[in-house]
Amino acid sequence: MRNDLGIKLIVVADIKKLIFYAAKGIKITETLDHIAIPVDKHHRGEKSGSHIQKGDSMNSLYEPHTPPNDIEHKEAADFICREIEKQLANKHDFKEIIIVADPNSLGFIRHQLGNNVKKLVTKELAKDLTHHSMQDVEGSIF
C-alpha cells in the first residue's frame, strides 16, 4: 500500500512561468515560489525588409534547422530543472515530485531532469495550469 502522507513538491510550469507548491496527502498546503522564467530572444532573427538578418546569433550552437520555439522550450526546461534542484536542496523532506506543464515543455523537462530528480517524479500531467488557481491545480492533479 502506498503512503500518500509524505510532502510532495508540485511543479507547475510553462515557457514563461514557474510555480512551486507543497502538498501533503492530496491537499496543496502552500505556494513555495512563483518565478518568471527569463526569456532570451537572441536566437530569433531580426526582420528587416523581406528577409531575416541573422547577424550575431546563437543559431550555430544548435542544429541548423532547429525551430526557435524548440530552442526557447529547451532553455526554459534547463532553467526549470535548475530551479527544481534548488527547491530540493532547500527542503530535503520532499518524498515525491509532481510535474504539470504544457505538453511541449513537459517533454523537454523530462529530457533535462537529472537521474536523482527523475527517481522522485511520481506523476506528470500534460496541461498548462500556470494561469489557474491553486484549487484548480489541486483538482487537476488529485
Protein backbone atom coordinates (compact mmCIF):
# COMPACT_ATOMS: atom_id res chain seq x y z
CA MET A 1 0.00 0.00 0.00
CA ARG A 2 1.29 3.42 -0.97
CA ASN A 3 1.87 6.04 1.69
CA ASP A 4 0.47 9.40 0.49
CA LEU A 5 1.34 11.26 3.68
CA GLY A 6 4.76 12.47 2.54
CA ILE A 7 5.33 16.04 1.43
CA LYS A 8 5.12 16.46 -2.34
CA LEU A 9 6.75 19.14 -4.47
CA ILE A 10 4.37 20.21 -7.23
CA VAL A 11 5.95 21.95 -10.20
CA VAL A 12 3.61 23.90 -12.49
CA ALA A 13 5.39 25.35 -15.50
CA ASP A 14 5.19 26.69 -19.00
CA ILE A 15 7.73 28.52 -21.15
CA LYS A 16 7.33 31.81 -19.22
CA LYS A 17 6.25 30.94 -15.69
CA LEU A 18 7.19 28.50 -12.92
CA ILE A 19 5.23 27.89 -9.73
CA PHE A 20 6.16 25.56 -6.87
CA TYR A 21 3.57 24.21 -4.44
CA ALA A 22 3.93 21.94 -1.43
CA ALA A 23 1.29 19.29 -0.82
CA LYS A 24 0.63 16.83 1.96
CA GLY A 25 -1.52 13.86 1.09
CA ILE A 26 -3.96 15.09 -1.55
CA LYS A 27 -4.10 18.71 -0.37
CA ILE A 28 -1.90 21.57 -1.56
CA THR A 29 -0.75 23.31 1.61
CA GLU A 30 1.23 26.31 0.35
CA THR A 31 2.79 28.16 -2.56
CA LEU A 32 6.56 27.92 -2.22
CA ASP A 33 7.71 30.12 -5.07
CA HIS A 34 6.44 31.98 -8.12
CA ILE A 35 9.16 32.62 -10.74
CA ALA A 36 9.11 34.36 -14.11
CA ILE A 37 11.34 32.42 -16.49
CA PRO A 38 13.80 34.76 -18.23
CA VAL A 39 13.16 34.83 -21.96
CA ASP A 40 16.20 35.20 -24.17
CA LYS A 41 15.29 36.02 -27.75
CA HIS A 42 18.91 36.06 -29.03
CA HIS A 43 18.26 33.08 -31.30
CA ARG A 44 15.46 34.74 -33.26
CA GLY A 45 16.50 36.61 -36.38
CA GLU A 46 15.56 40.26 -36.74
CA LYS A 47 13.20 41.06 -39.59
CA SER A 48 14.44 43.68 -42.00
CA GLY A 49 12.57 44.21 -45.21
CA SER A 50 11.70 40.94 -46.90
CA HIS A 51 14.44 38.76 -45.38
CA ILE A 52 15.73 37.82 -41.95
CA GLN A 53 19.12 39.08 -40.79
CA LYS A 54 20.88 36.55 -38.64
CA GLY A 55 23.71 38.79 -37.55
CA ASP A 56 25.44 37.70 -34.36
CA SER A 57 23.18 34.91 -33.12
CA MET A 58 23.50 31.64 -31.26
CA ASN A 59 21.92 29.55 -34.04
CA SER A 60 25.24 27.88 -34.75
CA LEU A 61 25.10 26.13 -31.35
CA TYR A 62 22.03 24.17 -32.41
CA GLU A 63 21.08 22.02 -35.34
CA PRO A 64 20.84 24.17 -38.48
CA HIS A 65 17.10 23.67 -38.76
CA THR A 66 16.08 23.76 -35.09
CA PRO A 67 12.98 25.95 -34.82
CA PRO A 68 13.40 28.95 -32.49
CA ASN A 69 10.38 27.77 -30.46
CA ASP A 70 12.16 24.49 -29.65
CA ILE A 71 15.25 26.42 -28.57
CA GLU A 72 13.09 28.54 -26.22
CA HIS A 73 11.48 25.41 -24.75
CA LYS A 74 14.90 23.81 -24.20
CA GLU A 75 16.27 26.91 -22.47
CA ALA A 76 13.15 27.18 -20.28
CA ALA A 77 13.44 23.46 -19.39
CA ASP A 78 17.08 23.95 -18.36
CA PHE A 79 16.04 26.82 -16.09
CA ILE A 80 13.13 24.83 -14.64
CA CYS A 81 15.34 21.82 -13.86
CA ARG A 82 17.89 24.03 -12.09
CA GLU A 83 15.11 25.58 -10.00
CA ILE A 84 13.71 22.15 -9.09
CA GLU A 85 17.17 21.12 -7.87
CA LYS A 86 17.37 24.34 -5.79
CA GLN A 87 14.00 23.56 -4.19
CA LEU A 88 15.17 20.05 -3.35
CA ALA A 89 18.40 21.43 -1.85
CA ASN A 90 16.46 23.93 0.28
CA LYS A 91 13.96 21.38 1.63
CA HIS A 92 15.16 17.82 1.97
CA ASP A 93 11.85 16.40 3.13
CA PHE A 94 10.12 16.07 -0.25
CA LYS A 95 9.13 12.44 -0.84
CA GLU A 96 7.92 12.90 -4.42
CA ILE A 97 7.60 15.39 -7.25
CA ILE A 98 4.59 16.02 -9.46
CA ILE A 99 5.21 17.94 -12.69
CA VAL A 100 2.44 19.81 -14.51
CA ALA A 101 3.42 21.51 -17.77
CA ASP A 102 2.18 22.08 -21.29
CA PRO A 103 2.93 19.01 -23.45
CA ASN A 104 5.87 20.53 -25.35
CA SER A 105 7.55 21.86 -22.20
CA LEU A 106 6.94 18.59 -20.34
CA GLY A 107 8.87 16.67 -22.98
CA PHE A 108 11.86 18.99 -22.70
CA ILE A 109 11.72 18.98 -18.87
CA ARG A 110 11.57 15.18 -18.79
CA HIS A 111 14.65 15.03 -21.03
CA GLN A 112 16.63 17.56 -18.94
CA LEU A 113 15.95 16.17 -15.45
CA GLY A 114 18.84 14.52 -13.67
CA ASN A 115 18.56 10.88 -12.62
CA ASN A 116 18.29 11.69 -8.91
CA VAL A 117 15.36 14.01 -9.56
CA LYS A 118 13.71 11.58 -12.01
CA LYS A 119 13.54 8.98 -9.23
CA LEU A 120 11.30 11.31 -7.20
CA VAL A 121 8.86 12.09 -10.05
CA THR A 122 5.70 10.09 -9.43
CA LYS A 123 3.25 11.88 -11.70
CA GLU A 124 3.32 14.04 -14.81
CA LEU A 125 0.37 15.96 -16.17
CA ALA A 126 0.47 17.47 -19.67
CA LYS A 127 -1.62 20.59 -19.06
CA ASP A 128 -0.86 24.29 -18.88
CA LEU A 129 -2.14 25.31 -15.45
CA THR A 130 0.17 28.26 -14.76
CA HIS A 131 -2.69 30.75 -15.00
CA HIS A 132 -5.09 28.74 -12.83
CA SER A 133 -5.76 28.97 -9.10
CA MET A 134 -4.24 26.69 -6.52
CA GLN A 135 -7.62 24.93 -6.14
CA ASP A 136 -7.78 24.27 -9.91
CA VAL A 137 -4.27 22.81 -9.84
CA GLU A 138 -5.17 20.63 -6.87
CA GLY A 139 -8.35 19.41 -8.60
CA SER A 140 -6.48 18.52 -11.79
CA ILE A 141 -3.71 16.62 -10.02
CA PHE A 142 -5.65 14.77 -7.35
